[in-house]
């Protein structure tokens, strides 16, 4: 009897944790029941996630959310974009307020070991840099000893600068802001000599200055900043789905499957890799809890990784960012995804 009572006590103690685990493992069912994907995005960063004058969201991360919605819900429009800041993004993911964090966020060991989240992969290879006013006469970060540096709170940027300046035996004065709007205004008004962030963000911020042509992004890159979507820990099915949406977008570019030809290739292609991607062969969608056309739908809605990049960030956009490290591995970049097989 004593052993039985002890076993029951242990089971009772474990029940809350088991219930919480079950709740965390139901994201796909929750999204389908709700009929909408709740996607956490930047509050306003040109090229990645920002509202236009008509109120519609656009950007690289926005298109990833739409691709995920098309794969899971059958409709790229079934997304609720939830603006999240650097301070509340992880709390909103952990609480279930968002199903996926697509806001530009650096994958680090500390975040993945200390926070209840998992990064699904790298969607954008970035690095931390600096932007200055040309009047400052600076052409390298090595010339900025004693500078006042603007930081956005809740990011990895200040730690990277501390490491860089300590290694170079340089001093600096931190000027921290809670929001990007406040920071841009402060930098524009001369409250600091430079702003440091991911280089991609610096190009977007430059467009928001009173006189963009008066600012210069320095060539120095002082860190690795692998950006990628994140999901809650404890739901392997949802983790797998979000991860393979990203991998499918990258594989599609490598296989030359585009928004315009995806539907035709499903029936016409003789390439086994293309046929597996588009659901003509295998059971890859059903194995994840989706149907066979999950990738076909998302590619028809948003195009492949290269098309999403070109539309939002590429040389024909105001940001005019070259692919660089974000080119396919076969074209000199780092972009590489496991195969669908």
C-alpha atoms as a PDB file:
ATOM      1  CA  UNK A   1       0.000   0.000   0.000  1.00  0.00           C
ATOM      2  CA  UNK A   2       2.821   2.375   0.889  1.00  0.00           C
ATOM      3  CA  UNK A   3       4.437   1.787  -2.525  1.00  0.00           C
ATOM      4  CA  UNK A   4       1.113   2.411  -4.264  1.00  0.00           C
ATOM      5  CA  UNK A   5       0.573   5.685  -2.410  1.00  0.00           C
ATOM      6  CA  UNK A   6       4.115   6.755  -3.260  1.00  0.00           C
ATOM      7  CA  UNK A   7       3.570   5.969  -6.953  1.00  0.00           C
ATOM      8  CA  UNK A   8       0.314   7.913  -6.972  1.00  0.00           C
ATOM      9  CA  UNK A   9       1.992  10.877  -5.332  1.00  0.00           C
ATOM     10  CA  UNK A  10       4.740  10.861  -7.961  1.00  0.00           C
ATOM     11  CA  UNK A  11       2.157  10.622 -10.768  1.00  0.00           C
ATOM     12  CA  UNK A  12       0.179  13.511  -9.282  1.00  0.00           C
ATOM     13  CA  UNK A  13       3.328  15.597  -9.133  1.00  0.00           C
ATOM     14  CA  UNK A  14       4.065  14.838 -12.778  1.00  0.00           C
ATOM     15  CA  UNK A  15       0.566  15.541 -14.110  1.00  0.00           C
ATOM     16  CA  UNK A  16       0.921  19.347 -14.416  1.00  0.00           C
ATOM     17  CA  UNK A  17       4.142  18.901 -16.353  1.00  0.00           C
ATOM     18  CA  UNK A  18       2.614  16.237 -18.573  1.00  0.00           C
ATOM     19  CA  UNK A  19      -0.412  18.421 -19.237  1.00  0.00           C
ATOM     20  CA  UNK A  20       1.843  21.333 -20.112  1.00  0.00           C
ATOM     21  CA  UNK A  21       3.867  19.083 -22.423  1.00  0.00           C
ATOM     22  CA  UNK A  22       0.668  17.971 -24.140  1.00  0.00           C
ATOM     23  CA  UNK A  23      -0.406  21.574 -24.595  1.00  0.00           C
ATOM     24  CA  UNK A  24       2.952  22.438 -26.140  1.00  0.00           C
ATOM     25  CA  UNK A  25       2.659  19.511 -28.511  1.00  0.00           C
ATOM     26  CA  UNK A  26      -0.599  20.623 -30.089  1.00  0.00           C
ATOM     27  CA  UNK A  27       0.493  23.593 -32.216  1.00  0.00           C
ATOM     28  CA  UNK A  28      -0.584  22.140 -35.564  1.00  0.00           C
ATOM     29  CA  UNK A  29      -4.010  21.227 -34.175  1.00  0.00           C
ATOM     30  CA  UNK A  30      -4.352  24.682 -32.592  1.00  0.00           C
ATOM     31  CA  UNK A  31      -3.450  26.449 -35.836  1.00  0.00           C
ATOM     32  CA  UNK A  32      -5.897  24.337 -37.848  1.00  0.00           C
ATOM     33  CA  UNK A  33      -8.698  24.820 -35.306  1.00  0.00           C
ATOM     34  CA  UNK A  34      -8.080  28.571 -35.239  1.00  0.00           C
ATOM     35  CA  UNK A  35      -7.813  28.752 -39.013  1.00  0.00           C
ATOM     36  CA  UNK A  36      -5.053  31.336 -38.748  1.00  0.00           C
ATOM     37  CA  UNK A  37      -1.301  31.224 -38.208  1.00  0.00           C
ATOM     38  CA  UNK A  38      -0.083  33.678 -35.557  1.00  0.00           C
ATOM     39  CA  UNK A  39       3.334  34.770 -36.772  1.00  0.00           C
ATOM     40  CA  UNK A  40       5.634  37.030 -34.753  1.00  0.00           C
ATOM     41  CA  UNK A  41       7.421  39.597 -36.942  1.00  0.00           C
ATOM     42  CA  UNK A  42       9.413  42.797 -36.571  1.00  0.00           C
ATOM     43  CA  UNK A  43       7.437  45.877 -35.586  1.00  0.00           C
ATOM     44  CA  UNK A  44       8.685  47.635 -38.687  1.00  0.00           C
ATOM     45  CA  UNK A  45      11.894  46.850 -40.572  1.00  0.00           C
ATOM     46  CA  UNK A  46      11.945  47.586 -44.283  1.00  0.00           C
ATOM     47  CA  UNK A  47      12.606  44.532 -46.409  1.00  0.00           C
ATOM     48  CA  UNK A  48      11.912  42.074 -43.589  1.00  0.00           C
ATOM     49  CA  UNK A  49       8.576  43.008 -42.038  1.00  0.00           C
ATOM     50  CA  UNK A  50       6.802  46.334 -42.349  1.00  0.00           C
ATOM     51  CA  UNK A  51       3.344  47.691 -43.069  1.00  0.00           C
ATOM     52  CA  UNK A  52       2.823  49.658 -46.260  1.00  0.00           C
ATOM     53  CA  UNK A  53       0.711  52.795 -46.596  1.00  0.00           C
ATOM     54  CA  UNK A  54      -2.283  50.526 -47.218  1.00  0.00           C
ATOM     55  CA  UNK A  55      -1.664  48.672 -43.954  1.00  0.00           C
ATOM     56  CA  UNK A  56      -0.590  45.463 -45.701  1.00  0.00           C
ATOM     57  CA  UNK A  57       2.452  43.602 -44.403  1.00  0.00           C
ATOM     58  CA  UNK A  58       5.407  42.916 -46.705  1.00  0.00           C
ATOM     59  CA  UNK A  59       8.934  41.613 -46.344  1.00  0.00           C
ATOM     60  CA  UNK A  60      11.255  38.611 -46.320  1.00  0.00           C
ATOM     61  CA  UNK A  61      10.012  37.296 -42.957  1.00  0.00           C
ATOM     62  CA  UNK A  62       6.414  38.091 -43.895  1.00  0.00           C
ATOM     63  CA  UNK A  63       6.707  35.897 -46.977  1.00  0.00           C
ATOM     64  CA  UNK A  64       8.071  33.058 -44.858  1.00  0.00           C
ATOM     65  CA  UNK A  65       4.963  33.309 -42.666  1.00  0.00           C
ATOM     66  CA  UNK A  66       2.767  33.218 -45.762  1.00  0.00           C
ATOM     67  CA  UNK A  67       4.593  30.175 -47.124  1.00  0.00           C
ATOM     68  CA  UNK A  68       4.039  28.397 -43.800  1.00  0.00           C
ATOM     69  CA  UNK A  69       0.344  29.317 -43.785  1.00  0.00           C
ATOM     70  CA  UNK A  70      -0.061  28.039 -47.348  1.00  0.00           C
ATOM     71  CA  UNK A  71       1.608  24.748 -46.424  1.00  0.00           C
ATOM     72  CA  UNK A  72      -0.408  24.205 -43.231  1.00  0.00           C
ATOM     73  CA  UNK A  73      -3.741  25.927 -43.882  1.00  0.00           C
ATOM     74  CA  UNK A  74      -3.915  25.880 -47.661  1.00  0.00           C
ATOM     75  CA  UNK A  75      -4.032  29.672 -47.930  1.00  0.00           C
ATOM     76  CA  UNK A  76      -1.109  32.114 -47.698  1.00  0.00           C
ATOM     77  CA  UNK A  77      -3.498  34.850 -46.571  1.00  0.00           C
ATOM     78  CA  UNK A  78      -4.462  33.031 -43.369  1.00  0.00           C
ATOM     79  CA  UNK A  79      -1.806  34.754 -41.270  1.00  0.00           C
ATOM     80  CA  UNK A  80      -2.170  37.100 -38.337  1.00  0.00           C
ATOM     81  CA  UNK A  81       1.021  39.151 -38.157  1.00  0.00           C
ATOM     82  CA  UNK A  82       1.907  39.906 -34.544  1.00  0.00           C
ATOM     83  CA  UNK A  83       4.474  42.715 -34.135  1.00  0.00           C
ATOM     84  CA  UNK A  84       7.024  41.765 -31.468  1.00  0.00           C
ATOM     85  CA  UNK A  85       9.964  43.720 -30.102  1.00  0.00           C
ATOM     86  CA  UNK A  86      13.367  42.642 -28.872  1.00  0.00           C
ATOM     87  CA  UNK A  87      12.123  42.608 -25.273  1.00  0.00           C
ATOM     88  CA  UNK A  88       8.896  40.604 -25.617  1.00  0.00           C
ATOM     89  CA  UNK A  89       9.499  38.294 -28.607  1.00  0.00           C
ATOM     90  CA  UNK A  90      10.590  35.260 -26.578  1.00  0.00           C
ATOM     91  CA  UNK A  91       7.862  35.699 -23.960  1.00  0.00           C
ATOM     92  CA  UNK A  92       5.190  35.812 -26.655  1.00  0.00           C
ATOM     93  CA  UNK A  93       6.514  32.634 -28.219  1.00  0.00           C
ATOM     94  CA  UNK A  94       6.704  30.822 -24.882  1.00  0.00           C
ATOM     95  CA  UNK A  95       3.197  31.933 -23.853  1.00  0.00           C
ATOM     96  CA  UNK A  96       1.607  30.720 -27.090  1.00  0.00           C
ATOM     97  CA  UNK A  97       0.671  34.223 -28.261  1.00  0.00           C
ATOM     98  CA  UNK A  98       2.503  33.384 -31.478  1.00  0.00           C
ATOM     99  CA  UNK A  99       2.974  30.007 -33.194  1.00  0.00           C
ATOM    100  CA  UNK A 100       6.318  30.870 -34.747  1.00  0.00           C
ATOM    101  CA  UNK A 101       8.836  33.656 -34.250  1.00  0.00           C
ATOM    102  CA  UNK A 102       9.847  34.819 -37.715  1.00  0.00           C
ATOM    103  CA  UNK A 103      11.261  38.179 -36.582  1.00  0.00           C
ATOM    104  CA  UNK A 104      14.940  38.576 -37.466  1.00  0.00           C
ATOM    105  CA  UNK A 105      16.520  36.795 -34.484  1.00  0.00           C
ATOM    106  CA  UNK A 106      20.040  35.454 -34.029  1.00  0.00           C
ATOM    107  CA  UNK A 107      20.453  31.755 -33.284  1.00  0.00           C
ATOM    108  CA  UNK A 108      22.824  31.439 -30.320  1.00  0.00           C
ATOM    109  CA  UNK A 109      23.674  28.655 -27.888  1.00  0.00           C
ATOM    110  CA  UNK A 110      22.557  30.708 -24.882  1.00  0.00           C
ATOM    111  CA  UNK A 111      19.131  31.370 -26.371  1.00  0.00           C
ATOM    112  CA  UNK A 112      18.560  27.747 -27.273  1.00  0.00           C
ATOM    113  CA  UNK A 113      19.758  26.400 -23.913  1.00  0.00           C
ATOM    114  CA  UNK A 114      18.259  28.986 -21.556  1.00  0.00           C
ATOM    115  CA  UNK A 115      14.992  29.776 -23.338  1.00  0.00           C
ATOM    116  CA  UNK A 116      12.154  27.325 -24.119  1.00  0.00           C
ATOM    117  CA  UNK A 117      12.625  27.561 -27.888  1.00  0.00           C
ATOM    118  CA  UNK A 118      14.287  25.849 -30.826  1.00  0.00           C
ATOM    119  CA  UNK A 119      15.597  27.460 -33.984  1.00  0.00           C
ATOM    120  CA  UNK A 120      14.518  25.554 -37.092  1.00  0.00           C
ATOM    121  CA  UNK A 121      17.423  26.655 -39.288  1.00  0.00           C
ATOM    122  CA  UNK A 122      19.157  29.676 -40.783  1.00  0.00           C
ATOM    123  CA  UNK A 123      17.028  31.743 -43.137  1.00  0.00           C
ATOM    124  CA  UNK A 124      19.468  34.656 -43.443  1.00  0.00           C
ATOM    125  CA  UNK A 125      23.238  34.681 -42.851  1.00  0.00           C
ATOM    126  CA  UNK A 126      24.114  38.078 -41.410  1.00  0.00           C
ATOM    127  CA  UNK A 127      26.817  39.821 -39.402  1.00  0.00           C
ATOM    128  CA  UNK A 128      27.004  42.832 -37.114  1.00  0.00           C
ATOM    129  CA  UNK A 129      28.264  46.094 -38.545  1.00  0.00           C
ATOM    130  CA  UNK A 130      28.197  49.851 -38.033  1.00  0.00           C
ATOM    131  CA  UNK A 131      26.566  52.846 -39.713  1.00  0.00           C
ATOM    132  CA  UNK A 132      27.989  56.364 -39.358  1.00  0.00           C
ATOM    133  CA  UNK A 133      27.373  59.830 -40.729  1.00  0.00           C
ATOM    134  CA  UNK A 134      29.835  60.587 -43.529  1.00  0.00           C
ATOM    135  CA  UNK A 135      30.721  63.897 -41.837  1.00  0.00           C
ATOM    136  CA  UNK A 136      32.369  61.903 -39.051  1.00  0.00           C
ATOM    137  CA  UNK A 137      35.132  61.030 -41.500  1.00  0.00           C
ATOM    138  CA  UNK A 138      35.316  57.418 -40.329  1.00  0.00           C
ATOM    139  CA  UNK A 139      35.922  54.583 -42.793  1.00  0.00           C
ATOM    140  CA  UNK A 140      36.537  51.721 -40.358  1.00  0.00           C
ATOM    141  CA  UNK A 141      35.295  50.607 -36.946  1.00  0.00           C
ATOM    142  CA  UNK A 142      38.946  50.626 -35.842  1.00  0.00           C
ATOM    143  CA  UNK A 143      38.788  54.443 -35.923  1.00  0.00           C
ATOM    144  CA  UNK A 144      35.952  54.652 -33.398  1.00  0.00           C
ATOM    145  CA  UNK A 145      37.705  54.461 -30.041  1.00  0.00           C
ATOM    146  CA  UNK A 146      35.821  56.741 -27.641  1.00  0.00           C
ATOM    147  CA  UNK A 147      32.693  56.784 -29.797  1.00  0.00           C
ATOM    148  CA  UNK A 148      29.151  56.967 -28.445  1.00  0.00           C
ATOM    149  CA  UNK A 149      27.380  53.897 -29.831  1.00  0.00           C
ATOM    150  CA  UNK A 150      23.597  53.449 -30.138  1.00  0.00           C
ATOM    151  CA  UNK A 151      22.226  50.023 -29.155  1.00  0.00           C
ATOM    152  CA  UNK A 152      18.771  48.472 -29.264  1.00  0.00           C
ATOM    153  CA  UNK A 153      18.119  46.838 -25.904  1.00  0.00           C
ATOM    154  CA  UNK A 154      17.449  43.112 -25.693  1.00  0.00           C
ATOM    155  CA  UNK A 155      19.791  42.140 -28.544  1.00  0.00           C
ATOM    156  CA  UNK A 156      23.187  40.458 -28.789  1.00  0.00           C
ATOM    157  CA  UNK A 157      24.801  43.572 -30.291  1.00  0.00           C
ATOM    158  CA  UNK A 158      26.237  45.163 -27.129  1.00  0.00           C
ATOM    159  CA  UNK A 159      27.998  41.967 -26.067  1.00  0.00           C
ATOM    160  CA  UNK A 160      29.562  41.686 -29.525  1.00  0.00           C
ATOM    161  CA  UNK A 161      30.765  45.304 -29.396  1.00  0.00           C
ATOM    162  CA  UNK A 162      32.152  44.794 -25.887  1.00  0.00           C
ATOM    163  CA  UNK A 163      34.179  41.818 -27.133  1.00  0.00           C
ATOM    164  CA  UNK A 164      35.392  43.653 -30.242  1.00  0.00           C
ATOM    165  CA  UNK A 165      36.400  46.876 -28.444  1.00  0.00           C
ATOM    166  CA  UNK A 166      38.068  44.989 -25.572  1.00  0.00           C
ATOM    167  CA  UNK A 167      40.116  42.911 -28.022  1.00  0.00           C
ATOM    168  CA  UNK A 168      41.215  46.084 -29.823  1.00  0.00           C
ATOM    169  CA  UNK A 169      41.836  47.948 -26.524  1.00  0.00           C
ATOM    170  CA  UNK A 170      39.302  50.626 -27.494  1.00  0.00           C
ATOM    171  CA  UNK A 171      36.737  52.465 -25.373  1.00  0.00           C
ATOM    172  CA  UNK A 172      33.143  53.425 -26.140  1.00  0.00           C
ATOM    173  CA  UNK A 173      30.058  54.908 -24.494  1.00  0.00           C
ATOM    174  CA  UNK A 174      26.800  52.936 -24.843  1.00  0.00           C
ATOM    175  CA  UNK A 175      23.550  54.765 -25.629  1.00  0.00           C
ATOM    176  CA  UNK A 176      20.642  52.319 -25.319  1.00  0.00           C
ATOM    177  CA  UNK A 177      17.117  52.666 -26.732  1.00  0.00           C
ATOM    178  CA  UNK A 178      14.047  50.504 -26.137  1.00  0.00           C
ATOM    179  CA  UNK A 179      12.613  50.821 -29.661  1.00  0.00           C
ATOM    180  CA  UNK A 180      14.010  51.140 -33.157  1.00  0.00           C
ATOM    181  CA  UNK A 181      11.981  54.309 -33.793  1.00  0.00           C
ATOM    182  CA  UNK A 182      13.602  56.003 -30.795  1.00  0.00           C
ATOM    183  CA  UNK A 183      17.027  54.777 -31.811  1.00  0.00           C
ATOM    184  CA  UNK A 184      16.737  56.025 -35.389  1.00  0.00           C
ATOM    185  CA  UNK A 185      15.609  59.427 -34.136  1.00  0.00           C
ATOM    186  CA  UNK A 186      18.500  59.533 -31.669  1.00  0.00           C
ATOM    187  CA  UNK A 187      21.099  58.591 -34.273  1.00  0.00           C
ATOM    188  CA  UNK A 188      19.632  61.061 -36.770  1.00  0.00           C
ATOM    189  CA  UNK A 189      19.806  63.815 -34.130  1.00  0.00           C
ATOM    190  CA  UNK A 190      23.458  63.084 -33.347  1.00  0.00           C
ATOM    191  CA  UNK A 191      22.925  61.513 -29.902  1.00  0.00           C
ATOM    192  CA  UNK A 192      25.523  58.897 -30.862  1.00  0.00           C
ATOM    193  CA  UNK A 193      28.331  58.587 -33.378  1.00  0.00           C
ATOM    194  CA  UNK A 194      27.288  55.225 -34.762  1.00  0.00           C
ATOM    195  CA  UNK A 195      24.559  52.633 -34.604  1.00  0.00           C
ATOM    196  CA  UNK A 196      25.484  48.973 -34.608  1.00  0.00           C
ATOM    197  CA  UNK A 197      23.223  46.101 -35.639  1.00  0.00           C
ATOM    198  CA  UNK A 198      22.978  43.334 -38.208  1.00  0.00           C
ATOM    199  CA  UNK A 199      24.177  44.714 -41.531  1.00  0.00           C
ATOM    200  CA  UNK A 200      20.822  43.933 -43.155  1.00  0.00           C
ATOM    201  CA  UNK A 201      19.101  46.079 -40.525  1.00  0.00           C
ATOM    202  CA  UNK A 202      21.552  48.940 -41.087  1.00  0.00           C
ATOM    203  CA  UNK A 203      20.562  49.141 -44.764  1.00  0.00           C
ATOM    204  CA  UNK A 204      16.914  49.340 -43.714  1.00  0.00           C
ATOM    205  CA  UNK A 205      17.599  51.944 -41.028  1.00  0.00           C
ATOM    206  CA  UNK A 206      19.585  54.064 -43.480  1.00  0.00           C
ATOM    207  CA  UNK A 207      16.439  54.520 -45.578  1.00  0.00           C
ATOM    208  CA  UNK A 208      14.637  55.979 -42.542  1.00  0.00           C
ATOM    209  CA  UNK A 209      17.139  58.761 -41.906  1.00  0.00           C
ATOM    210  CA  UNK A 210      16.400  62.364 -42.824  1.00  0.00           C
ATOM    211  CA  UNK A 211      19.168  62.253 -45.435  1.00  0.00           C
ATOM    212  CA  UNK A 212      20.050  58.636 -46.251  1.00  0.00           C
ATOM    213  CA  UNK A 213      22.860  59.662 -48.598  1.00  0.00           C
ATOM    214  CA  UNK A 214      24.663  61.291 -45.666  1.00  0.00           C
ATOM    215  CA  UNK A 215      25.128  57.919 -43.932  1.00  0.00           C
ATOM    216  CA  UNK A 216      27.578  55.126 -44.648  1.00  0.00           C
ATOM    217  CA  UNK A 217      27.554  51.446 -43.670  1.00  0.00           C
ATOM    218  CA  UNK A 218      31.133  50.591 -42.741  1.00  0.00           C
ATOM    219  CA  UNK A 219      32.757  47.487 -44.280  1.00  0.00           C
ATOM    220  CA  UNK A 220      33.633  45.958 -40.883  1.00  0.00           C
ATOM    221  CA  UNK A 221      31.653  42.847 -39.828  1.00  0.00           C
ATOM    222  CA  UNK A 222      32.434  41.869 -36.224  1.00  0.00           C
ATOM    223  CA  UNK A 223      30.251  38.823 -35.606  1.00  0.00           C
ATOM    224  CA  UNK A 224      28.310  35.905 -37.028  1.00  0.00           C
ATOM    225  CA  UNK A 225      24.552  36.530 -36.941  1.00  0.00           C
ATOM    226  CA  UNK A 226      22.666  33.481 -38.268  1.00  0.00           C
ATOM    227  CA  UNK A 227      19.034  34.594 -38.330  1.00  0.00           C
ATOM    228  CA  UNK A 228      16.189  32.113 -38.408  1.00  0.00           C
ATOM    229  CA  UNK A 229      12.651  31.236 -37.336  1.00  0.00           C
ATOM    230  CA  UNK A 230      12.086  29.749 -33.882  1.00  0.00           C
ATOM    231  CA  UNK A 231       9.330  27.631 -32.327  1.00  0.00           C
ATOM    232  CA  UNK A 232       8.560  26.467 -28.786  1.00  0.00           C
ATOM    233  CA  UNK A 233      10.368  23.483 -27.356  1.00  0.00           C
ATOM    234  CA  UNK A 234       8.367  20.313 -26.820  1.00  0.00           C
ATOM    235  CA  UNK A 235       6.475  20.060 -30.104  1.00  0.00           C
ATOM    236  CA  UNK A 236       8.527  17.964 -32.505  1.00  0.00           C
ATOM    237  CA  UNK A 237       5.821  17.794 -35.168  1.00  0.00           C
ATOM    238  CA  UNK A 238       5.520  21.578 -35.412  1.00  0.00           C
ATOM    239  CA  UNK A 239       9.299  21.973 -35.303  1.00  0.00           C
ATOM    240  CA  UNK A 240       9.617  19.545 -38.217  1.00  0.00           C
ATOM    241  CA  UNK A 241       6.938  21.307 -40.283  1.00  0.00           C
ATOM    242  CA  UNK A 242       8.417  24.793 -39.859  1.00  0.00           C
ATOM    243  CA  UNK A 243      11.938  23.500 -40.493  1.00  0.00           C
ATOM    244  CA  UNK A 244      10.965  21.746 -43.723  1.00  0.00           C
ATOM    245  CA  UNK A 245       9.031  24.727 -45.021  1.00  0.00           C
ATOM    246  CA  UNK A 246      12.339  26.615 -44.823  1.00  0.00           C
ATOM    247  CA  UNK A 247      14.294  23.738 -46.356  1.00  0.00           C
ATOM    248  CA  UNK A 248      11.720  23.322 -49.145  1.00  0.00           C
ATOM    249  CA  UNK A 249      12.040  26.997 -50.112  1.00  0.00           C
ATOM    250  CA  UNK A 250      15.818  26.577 -50.413  1.00  0.00           C
ATOM    251  CA  UNK A 251      15.626  23.235 -52.226  1.00  0.00           C
ATOM    252  CA  UNK A 252      13.105  24.685 -54.666  1.00  0.00           C
ATOM    253  CA  UNK A 253      15.541  27.386 -55.739  1.00  0.00           C
ATOM    254  CA  UNK A 254      18.289  24.822 -56.235  1.00  0.00           C
ATOM    255  CA  UNK A 255      15.915  22.656 -58.299  1.00  0.00           C
ATOM    256  CA  UNK A 256      14.699  25.701 -60.282  1.00  0.00           C
ATOM    257  CA  UNK A 257      11.124  25.262 -59.104  1.00  0.00           C
ATOM    258  CA  UNK A 258       9.510  28.705 -59.177  1.00  0.00           C
ATOM    259  CA  UNK A 259       6.208  30.362 -58.426  1.00  0.00           C
ATOM    260  CA  UNK A 260       5.404  30.298 -62.124  1.00  0.00           C
ATOM    261  CA  UNK A 261       6.335  26.710 -63.015  1.00  0.00           C
ATOM    262  CA  UNK A 262       5.607  24.708 -59.846  1.00  0.00           C
ATOM    263  CA  UNK A 263       2.155  23.509 -60.897  1.00  0.00           C
ATOM    264  CA  UNK A 264       3.323  22.395 -64.335  1.00  0.00           C
ATOM    265  CA  UNK A 265       6.410  20.652 -62.981  1.00  0.00           C
ATOM    266  CA  UNK A 266       4.341  18.478 -60.670  1.00  0.00           C
ATOM    267  CA  UNK A 267       2.888  16.672 -63.664  1.00  0.00           C
ATOM    268  CA  UNK A 268       5.635  17.215 -66.250  1.00  0.00           C
ATOM    269  CA  UNK A 269       8.980  16.907 -64.436  1.00  0.00           C
ATOM    270  CA  UNK A 270      10.963  13.680 -64.667  1.00  0.00           C
ATOM    271  CA  UNK A 271      13.394  14.807 -61.935  1.00  0.00           C
ATOM    272  CA  UNK A 272      12.765  12.578 -58.883  1.00  0.00           C
ATOM    273  CA  UNK A 273      13.809  15.355 -56.463  1.00  0.00           C
ATOM    274  CA  UNK A 274      11.326  17.771 -58.035  1.00  0.00           C
ATOM    275  CA  UNK A 275       8.576  15.175 -57.966  1.00  0.00           C
ATOM    276  CA  UNK A 276       9.194  14.438 -54.274  1.00  0.00           C
ATOM    277  CA  UNK A 277       9.200  18.157 -53.447  1.00  0.00           C
ATOM    278  CA  UNK A 278       5.911  18.779 -55.237  1.00  0.00           C
ATOM    279  CA  UNK A 279       4.113  15.726 -53.874  1.00  0.00           C
ATOM    280  CA  UNK A 280       4.019  13.654 -57.044  1.00  0.00           C
ATOM    281  CA  UNK A 281       6.032  10.917 -55.335  1.00  0.00           C
ATOM    282  CA  UNK A 282       6.457   9.774 -51.748  1.00  0.00           C
ATOM    283  CA  UNK A 283       4.515  10.552 -48.583  1.00  0.00           C
ATOM    284  CA  UNK A 284       6.585  13.429 -47.226  1.00  0.00           C
ATOM    285  CA  UNK A 285       3.637  15.729 -46.507  1.00  0.00           C
ATOM    286  CA  UNK A 286       1.477  13.091 -44.762  1.00  0.00           C
ATOM    287  CA  UNK A 287       4.510  11.989 -42.748  1.00  0.00           C
ATOM    288  CA  UNK A 288       4.510  15.476 -41.173  1.00  0.00           C
ATOM    289  CA  UNK A 289       0.763  15.654 -40.708  1.00  0.00           C
ATOM    290  CA  UNK A 290       0.140  17.688 -43.882  1.00  0.00           C
ATOM    291  CA  UNK A 291      -1.152  16.694 -47.310  1.00  0.00           C
ATOM    292  CA  UNK A 292       0.879  15.917 -50.427  1.00  0.00           C
ATOM    293  CA  UNK A 293       0.526  19.414 -51.930  1.00  0.00           C
ATOM    294  CA  UNK A 294       1.957  21.383 -48.987  1.00  0.00           C
ATOM    295  CA  UNK A 295       5.090  22.513 -50.856  1.00  0.00           C
ATOM    296  CA  UNK A 296       3.283  23.067 -54.154  1.00  0.00           C
ATOM    297  CA  UNK A 297       0.871  25.452 -52.426  1.00  0.00           C
ATOM    298  CA  UNK A 298       3.519  27.493 -50.684  1.00  0.00           C
ATOM    299  CA  UNK A 299       5.743  27.777 -53.769  1.00  0.00           C
ATOM    300  CA  UNK A 300       2.771  28.808 -55.888  1.00  0.00           C
ATOM    301  CA  UNK A 301       1.982  31.486 -53.306  1.00  0.00           C
ATOM    302  CA  UNK A 302       5.415  32.966 -52.535  1.00  0.00           C
ATOM    303  CA  UNK A 303       7.950  31.464 -54.905  1.00  0.00           C
ATOM    304  CA  UNK A 304      11.228  29.886 -53.807  1.00  0.00           C
ATOM    305  CA  UNK A 305      13.878  31.340 -51.488  1.00  0.00           C
ATOM    306  CA  UNK A 306      15.591  33.247 -54.296  1.00  0.00           C
ATOM    307  CA  UNK A 307      12.338  34.810 -55.453  1.00  0.00           C
ATOM    308  CA  UNK A 308      11.472  35.884 -51.897  1.00  0.00           C
ATOM    309  CA  UNK A 309      14.944  37.393 -51.438  1.00  0.00           C
ATOM    310  CA  UNK A 310      14.864  39.248 -54.755  1.00  0.00           C
ATOM    311  CA  UNK A 311      11.360  40.625 -54.153  1.00  0.00           C
ATOM    312  CA  UNK A 312      12.111  42.018 -50.704  1.00  0.00           C
ATOM    313  CA  UNK A 313      15.854  42.593 -50.356  1.00  0.00           C
ATOM    314  CA  UNK A 314      17.590  42.221 -53.710  1.00  0.00           C
ATOM    315  CA  UNK A 315      19.343  44.689 -56.027  1.00  0.00           C
ATOM    316  CA  UNK A 316      16.046  45.865 -57.577  1.00  0.00           C
ATOM    317  CA  UNK A 317      14.642  46.920 -54.175  1.00  0.00           C
ATOM    318  CA  UNK A 318      15.421  50.082 -52.170  1.00  0.00           C
ATOM    319  CA  UNK A 319      17.700  48.044 -49.869  1.00  0.00           C
ATOM    320  CA  UNK A 320      19.706  46.710 -52.838  1.00  0.00           C
ATOM    321  CA  UNK A 321      21.329  43.856 -50.879  1.00  0.00           C
ATOM    322  CA  UNK A 322      23.394  41.362 -52.849  1.00  0.00           C
ATOM    323  CA  UNK A 323      22.933  37.670 -52.110  1.00  0.00           C
ATOM    324  CA  UNK A 324      26.480  37.278 -50.777  1.00  0.00           C
ATOM    325  CA  UNK A 325      26.530  34.600 -48.066  1.00  0.00           C
ATOM    326  CA  UNK A 326      22.841  33.985 -48.756  1.00  0.00           C
ATOM    327  CA  UNK A 327      23.495  32.634 -52.227  1.00  0.00           C
ATOM    328  CA  UNK A 328      23.119  28.907 -52.774  1.00  0.00           C
ATOM    329  CA  UNK A 329      26.099  26.769 -51.815  1.00  0.00           C
ATOM    330  CA  UNK A 330      26.476  25.887 -55.490  1.00  0.00           C
ATOM    331  CA  UNK A 331      26.834  29.600 -56.305  1.00  0.00           C
ATOM    332  CA  UNK A 332      29.436  30.569 -53.727  1.00  0.00           C
ATOM    333  CA  UNK A 333      27.126  31.149 -50.750  1.00  0.00           C
ATOM    334  CA  UNK A 334      26.261  29.299 -47.541  1.00  0.00           C
ATOM    335  CA  UNK A 335      22.665  28.426 -48.357  1.00  0.00           C
ATOM    336  CA  UNK A 336      22.357  24.641 -48.112  1.00  0.00           C
ATOM    337  CA  UNK A 337      19.373  22.489 -47.195  1.00  0.00           C
ATOM    338  CA  UNK A 338      19.027  18.736 -46.617  1.00  0.00           C
ATOM    339  CA  UNK A 339      17.330  16.907 -49.498  1.00  0.00           C
ATOM    340  CA  UNK A 340      13.740  15.668 -49.587  1.00  0.00           C
ATOM    341  CA  UNK A 341      14.250  11.928 -49.813  1.00  0.00           C
END
